[in-house]
């Protein structure tokens, strides 16, 4: 299953990429499982697993981490943002 990943704001800067296409292994069927799979890469990626208030969108719709992820989906991760 191939998905398109997008990373925004400080998360994009920390990871060194704003987007990637990723072939997911079997068993990755939710946004939470995808987040955990990415966090397992280690280094800066590990923050995905521990970041409080991380938001996710699937196909441009804000969803909870229990949302399903299917082949061809666009999954975007947003770090917490503060204004001033």
Protein backbone atom coordinates (compact mmCIF):
# COMPACT_ATOMS: atom_id res chain seq x y z
CA UNK A 1 0.00 0.00 0.00
CA UNK A 2 1.47 3.31 -1.08
CA UNK A 3 0.54 6.60 0.64
CA UNK A 4 1.66 10.19 0.23
CA UNK A 5 2.91 11.81 3.43
CA UNK A 6 3.03 15.55 4.12
CA UNK A 7 4.76 17.23 7.06
CA UNK A 8 4.12 20.85 8.04
CA UNK A 9 5.70 23.72 10.00
CA UNK A 10 8.40 22.84 12.54
CA UNK A 11 7.85 19.15 11.93
CA UNK A 12 8.89 19.59 8.28
CA UNK A 13 12.03 21.40 9.39
CA UNK A 14 12.92 18.83 12.06
CA UNK A 15 12.48 15.90 9.68
CA UNK A 16 14.22 17.61 6.77
CA UNK A 17 11.38 16.86 4.36
CA UNK A 18 7.95 18.21 3.57
CA UNK A 19 6.66 15.19 1.68
CA UNK A 20 7.39 11.63 0.70
CA UNK A 21 5.72 8.67 -0.91
CA UNK A 22 5.90 5.55 1.21
CA UNK A 23 5.11 1.90 0.61
CA UNK A 24 3.63 0.66 3.88
CA UNK A 25 4.07 -2.85 5.20
CA UNK A 26 1.03 -5.02 5.86
CA UNK A 27 -0.76 -4.24 9.10
CA UNK A 28 -0.55 -0.45 8.89
CA UNK A 29 -4.22 0.44 8.61
CA UNK A 30 -4.74 3.52 10.80
CA UNK A 31 -3.18 6.92 11.20
CA UNK A 32 -1.90 5.81 14.63
CA UNK A 33 -0.18 2.75 13.18
CA UNK A 34 1.37 4.92 10.46
CA UNK A 35 2.59 7.45 13.06
CA UNK A 36 4.14 4.63 15.11
CA UNK A 37 5.75 3.13 12.00
CA UNK A 38 7.36 6.48 11.16
CA UNK A 39 8.46 7.06 14.77
CA UNK A 40 10.24 3.69 14.72
CA UNK A 41 12.69 5.17 12.20
CA UNK A 42 14.37 6.79 15.21
CA UNK A 43 16.24 10.07 15.37
CA UNK A 44 14.05 13.10 14.66
CA UNK A 45 11.27 10.74 13.53
CA UNK A 46 10.86 9.42 17.09
CA UNK A 47 9.21 12.73 18.03
CA UNK A 48 6.12 11.68 16.06
CA UNK A 49 5.45 9.04 18.69
CA UNK A 50 5.79 11.37 21.67
CA UNK A 51 4.66 14.77 20.38
CA UNK A 52 1.70 16.08 22.34
CA UNK A 53 -1.15 17.58 20.33
CA UNK A 54 0.12 16.20 17.02
CA UNK A 55 -2.69 16.54 14.45
CA UNK A 56 -3.35 14.42 11.39
CA UNK A 57 -5.39 14.80 8.22
CA UNK A 58 -6.30 12.08 5.74
CA UNK A 59 -7.20 13.30 2.26
CA UNK A 60 -7.38 16.90 3.52
CA UNK A 61 -9.85 16.09 6.32
CA UNK A 62 -8.75 16.50 9.93
CA UNK A 63 -9.26 13.15 11.66
CA UNK A 64 -8.37 11.34 14.85
CA UNK A 65 -5.52 8.85 14.94
CA UNK A 66 -8.01 5.97 14.86
CA UNK A 67 -8.94 6.96 11.28
CA UNK A 68 -8.28 4.36 8.60
CA UNK A 69 -5.49 4.82 6.06
CA UNK A 70 -5.85 3.17 2.66
CA UNK A 71 -3.78 2.82 -0.49
CA UNK A 72 -3.46 6.11 -2.35
CA UNK A 73 -4.35 8.28 0.65
CA UNK A 74 -2.64 11.56 1.42
CA UNK A 75 -1.74 11.73 5.12
CA UNK A 76 -0.58 15.03 6.61
CA UNK A 77 0.96 15.55 10.05
CA UNK A 78 0.79 18.92 11.82
CA UNK A 79 2.77 19.78 14.95
CA UNK A 80 1.22 21.87 17.71
CA UNK A 81 1.21 25.52 16.66
CA UNK A 82 1.19 28.57 18.89
CA UNK A 83 0.39 32.08 17.85
CA UNK A 84 1.55 35.39 19.09
